[in-house]
Amino acid sequence: MAQSLALLFFFMMLFIQTMAGGIHPKWYDARATFYGDAAGAETMQGACGYGDLFKQGYGLATTALSTALFNNGLTCGACFQIMCVNDPQWCIKGATPITVTATNFCPPNYSKTTDIWCNPPQKHFDLSYKMFTSIAYYKAGVIPVKYRRVPCVKNGGVRFELKGNPYFLLVLVYNVANAGDVSHVSIRGSKTALLTMSHNSGQTWHINQNLVGQSLSFLVTTSDGKSLHFNSVAPSNWQFGQTYESKQNFKK
């Protein structure tokens, strides 16, 4: 009895820790298509604010999300595990589930009423060709899948790309580990208090404040409620168009 209770307690604690971390072990139903071709020249850019996905560490392990999953861009940066299911003709037998990062938006098309995969309320992933053909044959075109959120594994610290002008600062927050998607950002100049940034689009955040000549610190909160302070990430001589990497990242 004591051993059974101990096992029950262990699994209860594991479940609580998993849910608290914002990562959900349950698999959900969706569908998937692909973009690009075997040459792998295309990378998904756009709605999330990311630039060169290879330089930023995302590569081709990426996906665009339908409206039902995109959450107005706040899901950008989240990681998903996906497997092809219930289609013996097109699913590759024994294929290992793929892990991809959300880097773009798959827009709805209201000009048609059928077979428009990204229209609400459908949950849909538009994968890179490489990722799609890791789990299914490309001739399938569209496949049924199961998906779940998983922790993002990243190398190095959280990165902050700065754009704008002296009176408008736009910050792209990326290379975020664990939950991956950011829900809140605040900024502090070396001469200011902590200031709340507004969500712009994807994982870009902005503030109408002149912070030129001040070192910049950030408070970042991810979708699982975890927050980290990034002190003096950008030195006082920071420049627009530059990226500054912190020395820390989120953990499970």
C-alpha atoms as a PDB file:
ATOM      1  CA  MET A   1       0.000   0.000   0.000  1.00  0.00           C
ATOM      2  CA  ALA A   2       2.794   2.414   0.933  1.00  0.00           C
ATOM      3  CA  GLN A   3       4.547   1.756  -2.395  1.00  0.00           C
ATOM      4  CA  SER A   4       1.284   2.338  -4.323  1.00  0.00           C
ATOM      5  CA  LEU A   5       0.691   5.614  -2.514  1.00  0.00           C
ATOM      6  CA  ALA A   6       4.257   6.692  -3.230  1.00  0.00           C
ATOM      7  CA  LEU A   7       3.824   5.968  -6.946  1.00  0.00           C
ATOM      8  CA  LEU A   8       0.506   7.812  -7.009  1.00  0.00           C
ATOM      9  CA  PHE A   9       2.103  10.831  -5.320  1.00  0.00           C
ATOM     10  CA  PHE A  10       5.002  10.756  -7.821  1.00  0.00           C
ATOM     11  CA  PHE A  11       2.722  10.805 -10.853  1.00  0.00           C
ATOM     12  CA  MET A  12       0.529  13.499  -9.328  1.00  0.00           C
ATOM     13  CA  MET A  13       3.562  15.715  -8.750  1.00  0.00           C
ATOM     14  CA  LEU A  14       4.839  15.025 -12.273  1.00  0.00           C
ATOM     15  CA  PHE A  15       1.461  16.035 -13.711  1.00  0.00           C
ATOM     16  CA  ILE A  16       1.334  19.216 -11.609  1.00  0.00           C
ATOM     17  CA  GLN A  17       4.868  20.213 -12.611  1.00  0.00           C
ATOM     18  CA  THR A  18       4.146  19.577 -16.286  1.00  0.00           C
ATOM     19  CA  MET A  19       0.947  21.625 -16.279  1.00  0.00           C
ATOM     20  CA  ALA A  20       2.575  24.411 -14.271  1.00  0.00           C
ATOM     21  CA  GLY A  21       5.267  24.622 -16.920  1.00  0.00           C
ATOM     22  CA  GLY A  22       2.700  25.320 -19.634  1.00  0.00           C
ATOM     23  CA  ILE A  23       3.608  22.137 -21.514  1.00  0.00           C
ATOM     24  CA  HIS A  24       0.663  19.834 -22.071  1.00  0.00           C
ATOM     25  CA  PRO A  25       1.293  16.078 -22.564  1.00  0.00           C
ATOM     26  CA  LYS A  26      -2.123  15.462 -24.146  1.00  0.00           C
ATOM     27  CA  TRP A  27      -2.253  14.940 -27.906  1.00  0.00           C
ATOM     28  CA  TYR A  28      -4.781  16.931 -29.963  1.00  0.00           C
ATOM     29  CA  ASP A  29      -6.138  16.436 -33.480  1.00  0.00           C
ATOM     30  CA  ALA A  30      -5.241  18.735 -36.378  1.00  0.00           C
ATOM     31  CA  ARG A  31      -4.172  18.643 -40.023  1.00  0.00           C
ATOM     32  CA  ALA A  32      -0.991  19.633 -41.818  1.00  0.00           C
ATOM     33  CA  THR A  33       0.189  20.789 -45.236  1.00  0.00           C
ATOM     34  CA  PHE A  34       3.615  21.997 -46.408  1.00  0.00           C
ATOM     35  CA  TYR A  35       5.306  24.917 -48.119  1.00  0.00           C
ATOM     36  CA  GLY A  36       8.450  25.054 -50.241  1.00  0.00           C
ATOM     37  CA  ASP A  37      10.186  22.149 -51.927  1.00  0.00           C
ATOM     38  CA  ALA A  38      12.999  19.617 -51.554  1.00  0.00           C
ATOM     39  CA  ALA A  39      15.643  22.279 -52.233  1.00  0.00           C
ATOM     40  CA  GLY A  40      14.880  23.757 -48.824  1.00  0.00           C
ATOM     41  CA  ALA A  41      15.582  27.282 -50.014  1.00  0.00           C
ATOM     42  CA  GLU A  42      12.468  28.784 -48.469  1.00  0.00           C
ATOM     43  CA  THR A  43      12.065  29.647 -44.827  1.00  0.00           C
ATOM     44  CA  MET A  44       8.902  30.928 -43.251  1.00  0.00           C
ATOM     45  CA  GLN A  45       9.128  34.564 -42.292  1.00  0.00           C
ATOM     46  CA  GLY A  46       6.589  37.261 -41.729  1.00  0.00           C
ATOM     47  CA  ALA A  47       3.870  37.400 -39.107  1.00  0.00           C
ATOM     48  CA  CYS A  48       6.006  36.438 -36.110  1.00  0.00           C
ATOM     49  CA  GLY A  49       8.637  39.077 -36.812  1.00  0.00           C
ATOM     50  CA  TYR A  50      11.535  36.671 -37.294  1.00  0.00           C
ATOM     51  CA  GLY A  51      14.102  37.383 -39.985  1.00  0.00           C
ATOM     52  CA  ASP A  52      16.667  34.884 -41.262  1.00  0.00           C
ATOM     53  CA  LEU A  53      15.468  31.671 -39.601  1.00  0.00           C
ATOM     54  CA  PHE A  54      18.798  29.929 -40.113  1.00  0.00           C
ATOM     55  CA  LYS A  55      20.805  32.717 -38.471  1.00  0.00           C
ATOM     56  CA  GLN A  56      18.278  32.864 -35.650  1.00  0.00           C
ATOM     57  CA  GLY A  57      18.572  29.126 -35.017  1.00  0.00           C
ATOM     58  CA  TYR A  58      15.186  27.935 -36.281  1.00  0.00           C
ATOM     59  CA  GLY A  59      16.213  26.562 -39.667  1.00  0.00           C
ATOM     60  CA  LEU A  60      13.580  24.459 -41.429  1.00  0.00           C
ATOM     61  CA  ALA A  61      12.123  22.970 -38.238  1.00  0.00           C
ATOM     62  CA  THR A  62       9.304  25.486 -38.484  1.00  0.00           C
ATOM     63  CA  THR A  63       5.582  25.809 -39.010  1.00  0.00           C
ATOM     64  CA  ALA A  64       2.902  28.392 -39.674  1.00  0.00           C
ATOM     65  CA  LEU A  65      -0.206  28.211 -37.506  1.00  0.00           C
ATOM     66  CA  SER A  66      -3.860  28.630 -38.384  1.00  0.00           C
ATOM     67  CA  THR A  67      -5.939  31.299 -36.651  1.00  0.00           C
ATOM     68  CA  ALA A  68      -7.168  28.799 -34.050  1.00  0.00           C
ATOM     69  CA  LEU A  69      -3.582  28.197 -32.860  1.00  0.00           C
ATOM     70  CA  PHE A  70      -1.891  31.530 -33.642  1.00  0.00           C
ATOM     71  CA  ASN A  71      -3.471  33.518 -30.793  1.00  0.00           C
ATOM     72  CA  ASN A  72      -2.849  36.865 -32.520  1.00  0.00           C
ATOM     73  CA  GLY A  73       0.856  36.057 -32.706  1.00  0.00           C
ATOM     74  CA  LEU A  74       1.387  35.317 -29.036  1.00  0.00           C
ATOM     75  CA  THR A  75       1.969  31.607 -29.812  1.00  0.00           C
ATOM     76  CA  CYS A  76       4.977  32.511 -31.975  1.00  0.00           C
ATOM     77  CA  GLY A  77       8.059  30.786 -30.590  1.00  0.00           C
ATOM     78  CA  ALA A  78       6.147  27.864 -29.078  1.00  0.00           C
ATOM     79  CA  CYS A  79       7.287  24.345 -29.914  1.00  0.00           C
ATOM     80  CA  PHE A  80       5.069  21.501 -31.059  1.00  0.00           C
ATOM     81  CA  GLN A  81       5.580  17.791 -31.507  1.00  0.00           C
ATOM     82  CA  ILE A  82       3.611  16.455 -34.462  1.00  0.00           C
ATOM     83  CA  MET A  83       2.971  12.971 -35.879  1.00  0.00           C
ATOM     84  CA  CYS A  84       1.027  11.748 -38.911  1.00  0.00           C
ATOM     85  CA  VAL A  85      -1.909   9.507 -37.949  1.00  0.00           C
ATOM     86  CA  ASN A  86      -4.840   7.544 -39.335  1.00  0.00           C
ATOM     87  CA  ASP A  87      -3.693   7.611 -42.961  1.00  0.00           C
ATOM     88  CA  PRO A  88      -1.808   4.389 -43.846  1.00  0.00           C
ATOM     89  CA  GLN A  89      -1.498   5.441 -47.486  1.00  0.00           C
ATOM     90  CA  TRP A  90       0.415   8.645 -46.794  1.00  0.00           C
ATOM     91  CA  CYS A  91       1.851   8.435 -43.266  1.00  0.00           C
ATOM     92  CA  ILE A  92       5.409   7.075 -43.214  1.00  0.00           C
ATOM     93  CA  LYS A  93       5.273   3.935 -41.110  1.00  0.00           C
ATOM     94  CA  GLY A  94       7.458   4.138 -38.006  1.00  0.00           C
ATOM     95  CA  ALA A  95       8.335   7.802 -38.551  1.00  0.00           C
ATOM     96  CA  THR A  96       9.584   9.637 -35.476  1.00  0.00           C
ATOM     97  CA  PRO A  97       7.368  12.567 -34.466  1.00  0.00           C
ATOM     98  CA  ILE A  98       8.825  15.903 -35.541  1.00  0.00           C
ATOM     99  CA  THR A  99       9.398  18.942 -33.313  1.00  0.00           C
ATOM    100  CA  VAL A 100       8.863  22.375 -34.860  1.00  0.00           C
ATOM    101  CA  THR A 101       8.754  25.998 -33.744  1.00  0.00           C
ATOM    102  CA  ALA A 102       5.879  28.328 -34.658  1.00  0.00           C
ATOM    103  CA  THR A 103       7.372  31.081 -36.818  1.00  0.00           C
ATOM    104  CA  ASN A 104       4.525  32.323 -39.013  1.00  0.00           C
ATOM    105  CA  PHE A 105       0.781  32.633 -39.604  1.00  0.00           C
ATOM    106  CA  CYS A 106      -1.277  30.594 -42.067  1.00  0.00           C
ATOM    107  CA  PRO A 107      -4.014  33.083 -43.036  1.00  0.00           C
ATOM    108  CA  PRO A 108      -7.621  32.081 -43.631  1.00  0.00           C
ATOM    109  CA  ASN A 109      -9.112  32.211 -47.112  1.00  0.00           C
ATOM    110  CA  TYR A 110     -12.775  33.168 -47.051  1.00  0.00           C
ATOM    111  CA  SER A 111     -13.163  33.140 -50.831  1.00  0.00           C
ATOM    112  CA  LYS A 112     -13.876  29.407 -50.657  1.00  0.00           C
ATOM    113  CA  THR A 113     -15.992  27.359 -48.292  1.00  0.00           C
ATOM    114  CA  THR A 114     -14.321  23.940 -48.492  1.00  0.00           C
ATOM    115  CA  ASP A 115     -10.794  22.556 -48.110  1.00  0.00           C
ATOM    116  CA  ILE A 116      -9.406  25.805 -46.757  1.00  0.00           C
ATOM    117  CA  TRP A 117      -7.255  24.318 -44.039  1.00  0.00           C
ATOM    118  CA  CYS A 118      -6.356  27.464 -42.130  1.00  0.00           C
ATOM    119  CA  ASN A 119      -9.867  28.875 -41.824  1.00  0.00           C
ATOM    120  CA  PRO A 120     -11.296  29.063 -38.291  1.00  0.00           C
ATOM    121  CA  PRO A 121     -12.020  27.037 -36.294  1.00  0.00           C
ATOM    122  CA  GLN A 122      -9.649  24.469 -37.800  1.00  0.00           C
ATOM    123  CA  LYS A 123      -6.363  23.660 -36.102  1.00  0.00           C
ATOM    124  CA  HIS A 124      -3.760  23.446 -38.817  1.00  0.00           C
ATOM    125  CA  PHE A 125       0.022  23.412 -39.313  1.00  0.00           C
ATOM    126  CA  ASP A 126       1.695  24.517 -42.540  1.00  0.00           C
ATOM    127  CA  LEU A 127       5.068  22.796 -42.245  1.00  0.00           C
ATOM    128  CA  SER A 128       8.292  23.209 -44.156  1.00  0.00           C
ATOM    129  CA  TYR A 129       8.725  20.592 -46.877  1.00  0.00           C
ATOM    130  CA  LYS A 130      11.534  18.954 -44.905  1.00  0.00           C
ATOM    131  CA  MET A 131       9.406  18.548 -41.792  1.00  0.00           C
ATOM    132  CA  PHE A 132       6.307  17.361 -43.664  1.00  0.00           C
ATOM    133  CA  THR A 133       8.212  14.704 -45.596  1.00  0.00           C
ATOM    134  CA  SER A 134       9.767  13.441 -42.374  1.00  0.00           C
ATOM    135  CA  ILE A 135       6.384  12.054 -41.343  1.00  0.00           C
ATOM    136  CA  ALA A 136       4.421  11.708 -44.616  1.00  0.00           C
ATOM    137  CA  TYR A 137       4.831  11.357 -48.381  1.00  0.00           C
ATOM    138  CA  TYR A 138       4.694  14.715 -50.136  1.00  0.00           C
ATOM    139  CA  LYS A 139       2.034  13.588 -52.637  1.00  0.00           C
ATOM    140  CA  ALA A 140      -0.447  13.465 -49.766  1.00  0.00           C
ATOM    141  CA  GLY A 141      -0.735  17.251 -49.813  1.00  0.00           C
ATOM    142  CA  VAL A 142      -2.673  17.357 -46.546  1.00  0.00           C
ATOM    143  CA  ILE A 143      -2.597  14.835 -43.699  1.00  0.00           C
ATOM    144  CA  PRO A 144      -4.331  14.227 -40.381  1.00  0.00           C
ATOM    145  CA  VAL A 145      -1.957  14.726 -37.450  1.00  0.00           C
ATOM    146  CA  LYS A 146      -1.821  14.708 -33.702  1.00  0.00           C
ATOM    147  CA  TYR A 147       0.104  17.421 -31.901  1.00  0.00           C
ATOM    148  CA  ARG A 148       1.114  18.539 -28.433  1.00  0.00           C
ATOM    149  CA  ARG A 149       3.094  21.380 -26.900  1.00  0.00           C
ATOM    150  CA  VAL A 150       6.623  20.449 -25.838  1.00  0.00           C
ATOM    151  CA  PRO A 151       9.473  22.414 -24.221  1.00  0.00           C
ATOM    152  CA  CYS A 152      11.671  24.380 -26.604  1.00  0.00           C
ATOM    153  CA  VAL A 153      15.361  23.503 -26.470  1.00  0.00           C
ATOM    154  CA  LYS A 154      17.631  26.440 -27.356  1.00  0.00           C
ATOM    155  CA  ASN A 155      21.339  27.150 -27.333  1.00  0.00           C
ATOM    156  CA  GLY A 156      22.551  30.284 -25.606  1.00  0.00           C
ATOM    157  CA  GLY A 157      20.512  33.031 -24.025  1.00  0.00           C
ATOM    158  CA  VAL A 158      17.354  34.924 -24.945  1.00  0.00           C
ATOM    159  CA  ARG A 159      18.048  37.434 -27.730  1.00  0.00           C
ATOM    160  CA  PHE A 160      16.720  40.939 -28.283  1.00  0.00           C
ATOM    161  CA  GLU A 161      16.753  42.559 -31.726  1.00  0.00           C
ATOM    162  CA  LEU A 162      16.283  46.343 -31.622  1.00  0.00           C
ATOM    163  CA  LYS A 163      14.653  48.370 -34.395  1.00  0.00           C
ATOM    164  CA  GLY A 164      12.876  51.686 -34.779  1.00  0.00           C
ATOM    165  CA  ASN A 165      13.915  55.305 -34.241  1.00  0.00           C
ATOM    166  CA  PRO A 166      14.756  57.472 -31.212  1.00  0.00           C
ATOM    167  CA  TYR A 167      11.074  57.827 -30.305  1.00  0.00           C
ATOM    168  CA  PHE A 168       9.822  54.341 -31.207  1.00  0.00           C
ATOM    169  CA  LEU A 169      11.621  51.200 -30.056  1.00  0.00           C
ATOM    170  CA  LEU A 170      10.587  47.829 -31.521  1.00  0.00           C
ATOM    171  CA  VAL A 171      12.064  44.725 -29.886  1.00  0.00           C
ATOM    172  CA  LEU A 172      11.960  41.189 -31.256  1.00  0.00           C
ATOM    173  CA  VAL A 173      12.375  38.638 -28.451  1.00  0.00           C
ATOM    174  CA  TYR A 174      13.552  35.250 -29.683  1.00  0.00           C
ATOM    175  CA  ASN A 175      15.565  32.104 -28.924  1.00  0.00           C
ATOM    176  CA  VAL A 176      13.327  31.589 -25.887  1.00  0.00           C
ATOM    177  CA  ALA A 177      13.657  28.162 -24.265  1.00  0.00           C
ATOM    178  CA  ASN A 178      11.066  26.029 -22.443  1.00  0.00           C
ATOM    179  CA  ALA A 179       7.610  27.569 -23.090  1.00  0.00           C
ATOM    180  CA  GLY A 180       9.028  29.450 -26.068  1.00  0.00           C
ATOM    181  CA  ASP A 181       6.236  31.995 -26.433  1.00  0.00           C
ATOM    182  CA  VAL A 182       6.352  35.351 -24.659  1.00  0.00           C
ATOM    183  CA  SER A 183       3.235  36.889 -23.121  1.00  0.00           C
ATOM    184  CA  HIS A 184       4.601  40.096 -21.547  1.00  0.00           C
ATOM    185  CA  VAL A 185       7.695  42.312 -21.869  1.00  0.00           C
ATOM    186  CA  SER A 186       8.819  45.299 -19.804  1.00  0.00           C
ATOM    187  CA  ILE A 187      11.890  47.429 -20.405  1.00  0.00           C
ATOM    188  CA  ARG A 188      14.037  49.575 -18.132  1.00  0.00           C
ATOM    189  CA  GLY A 189      16.554  52.137 -19.252  1.00  0.00           C
ATOM    190  CA  SER A 190      19.453  53.021 -16.983  1.00  0.00           C
ATOM    191  CA  LYS A 191      17.659  56.330 -16.301  1.00  0.00           C
ATOM    192  CA  THR A 192      14.049  55.101 -16.161  1.00  0.00           C
ATOM    193  CA  ALA A 193      11.756  52.927 -14.106  1.00  0.00           C
ATOM    194  CA  LEU A 194      10.431  49.619 -15.443  1.00  0.00           C
ATOM    195  CA  LEU A 195       8.141  50.415 -18.398  1.00  0.00           C
ATOM    196  CA  THR A 196       5.534  48.106 -19.915  1.00  0.00           C
ATOM    197  CA  MET A 197       5.949  47.390 -23.627  1.00  0.00           C
ATOM    198  CA  SER A 198       2.937  46.897 -25.915  1.00  0.00           C
ATOM    199  CA  HIS A 199       2.468  43.810 -28.037  1.00  0.00           C
ATOM    200  CA  ASN A 200       3.088  44.808 -31.656  1.00  0.00           C
ATOM    201  CA  SER A 201       2.806  41.603 -33.691  1.00  0.00           C
ATOM    202  CA  GLY A 202       4.156  38.084 -33.411  1.00  0.00           C
ATOM    203  CA  GLN A 203       6.972  38.290 -30.879  1.00  0.00           C
ATOM    204  CA  THR A 204       7.746  41.961 -31.402  1.00  0.00           C
ATOM    205  CA  TRP A 205       7.042  44.478 -28.646  1.00  0.00           C
ATOM    206  CA  HIS A 206       7.192  48.271 -28.808  1.00  0.00           C
ATOM    207  CA  ILE A 207       7.315  51.385 -26.680  1.00  0.00           C
ATOM    208  CA  ASN A 208       7.087  55.088 -27.563  1.00  0.00           C
ATOM    209  CA  GLN A 209       9.994  56.228 -25.430  1.00  0.00           C
ATOM    210  CA  ASN A 210      13.393  57.720 -26.181  1.00  0.00           C
ATOM    211  CA  LEU A 211      15.899  55.331 -24.603  1.00  0.00           C
ATOM    212  CA  VAL A 212      18.875  56.149 -26.815  1.00  0.00           C
ATOM    213  CA  GLY A 213      22.085  56.421 -24.798  1.00  0.00           C
ATOM    214  CA  GLN A 214      20.792  54.281 -21.950  1.00  0.00           C
ATOM    215  CA  SER A 215      21.672  50.676 -21.224  1.00  0.00           C
ATOM    216  CA  LEU A 216      18.595  48.462 -21.562  1.00  0.00           C
ATOM    217  CA  SER A 217      17.253  45.766 -19.254  1.00  0.00           C
ATOM    218  CA  PHE A 218      14.180  43.591 -19.807  1.00  0.00           C
ATOM    219  CA  LEU A 219      11.638  41.658 -17.782  1.00  0.00           C
ATOM    220  CA  VAL A 220      10.202  38.857 -19.911  1.00  0.00           C
ATOM    221  CA  THR A 221       7.280  36.604 -18.997  1.00  0.00           C
ATOM    222  CA  THR A 222       6.441  33.464 -20.968  1.00  0.00           C
ATOM    223  CA  SER A 223       3.036  31.849 -21.442  1.00  0.00           C
ATOM    224  CA  ASP A 224       3.557  29.506 -18.483  1.00  0.00           C
ATOM    225  CA  GLY A 225       3.819  32.483 -16.126  1.00  0.00           C
ATOM    226  CA  LYS A 226       7.584  32.312 -15.598  1.00  0.00           C
ATOM    227  CA  SER A 227       9.514  35.594 -15.587  1.00  0.00           C
ATOM    228  CA  LEU A 228      13.195  36.438 -15.951  1.00  0.00           C
ATOM    229  CA  HIS A 229      15.080  39.705 -15.493  1.00  0.00           C
ATOM    230  CA  PHE A 230      17.709  40.420 -18.138  1.00  0.00           C
ATOM    231  CA  ASN A 231      19.866  43.156 -16.707  1.00  0.00           C
ATOM    232  CA  SER A 232      21.846  45.519 -18.951  1.00  0.00           C
ATOM    233  CA  VAL A 233      21.497  43.277 -22.010  1.00  0.00           C
ATOM    234  CA  ALA A 234      22.126  46.182 -24.375  1.00  0.00           C
ATOM    235  CA  PRO A 235      24.944  48.595 -23.430  1.00  0.00           C
ATOM    236  CA  SER A 236      24.423  52.351 -23.449  1.00  0.00           C
ATOM    237  CA  ASN A 237      25.871  52.592 -26.977  1.00  0.00           C
ATOM    238  CA  TRP A 238      23.407  50.096 -28.454  1.00  0.00           C
ATOM    239  CA  GLN A 239      22.367  50.603 -32.063  1.00  0.00           C
ATOM    240  CA  PHE A 240      19.164  50.084 -34.037  1.00  0.00           C
ATOM    241  CA  GLY A 241      19.346  46.992 -36.239  1.00  0.00           C
ATOM    242  CA  GLN A 242      21.544  45.118 -33.781  1.00  0.00           C
ATOM    243  CA  THR A 243      20.805  41.983 -31.736  1.00  0.00           C
ATOM    244  CA  TYR A 244      21.918  41.577 -28.129  1.00  0.00           C
ATOM    245  CA  GLU A 245      22.099  38.180 -26.455  1.00  0.00           C
ATOM    246  CA  SER A 246      21.595  37.671 -22.743  1.00  0.00           C
ATOM    247  CA  LYS A 247      23.521  35.220 -20.612  1.00  0.00           C
ATOM    248  CA  GLN A 248      20.465  33.338 -19.388  1.00  0.00           C
ATOM    249  CA  ASN A 249      17.416  31.498 -20.640  1.00  0.00           C
ATOM    250  CA  PHE A 250      14.245  29.929 -19.275  1.00  0.00           C
ATOM    251  CA  LYS A 251      14.373  26.497 -17.644  1.00  0.00           C
ATOM    252  CA  LYS A 252      11.767  23.836 -16.969  1.00  0.00           C
END
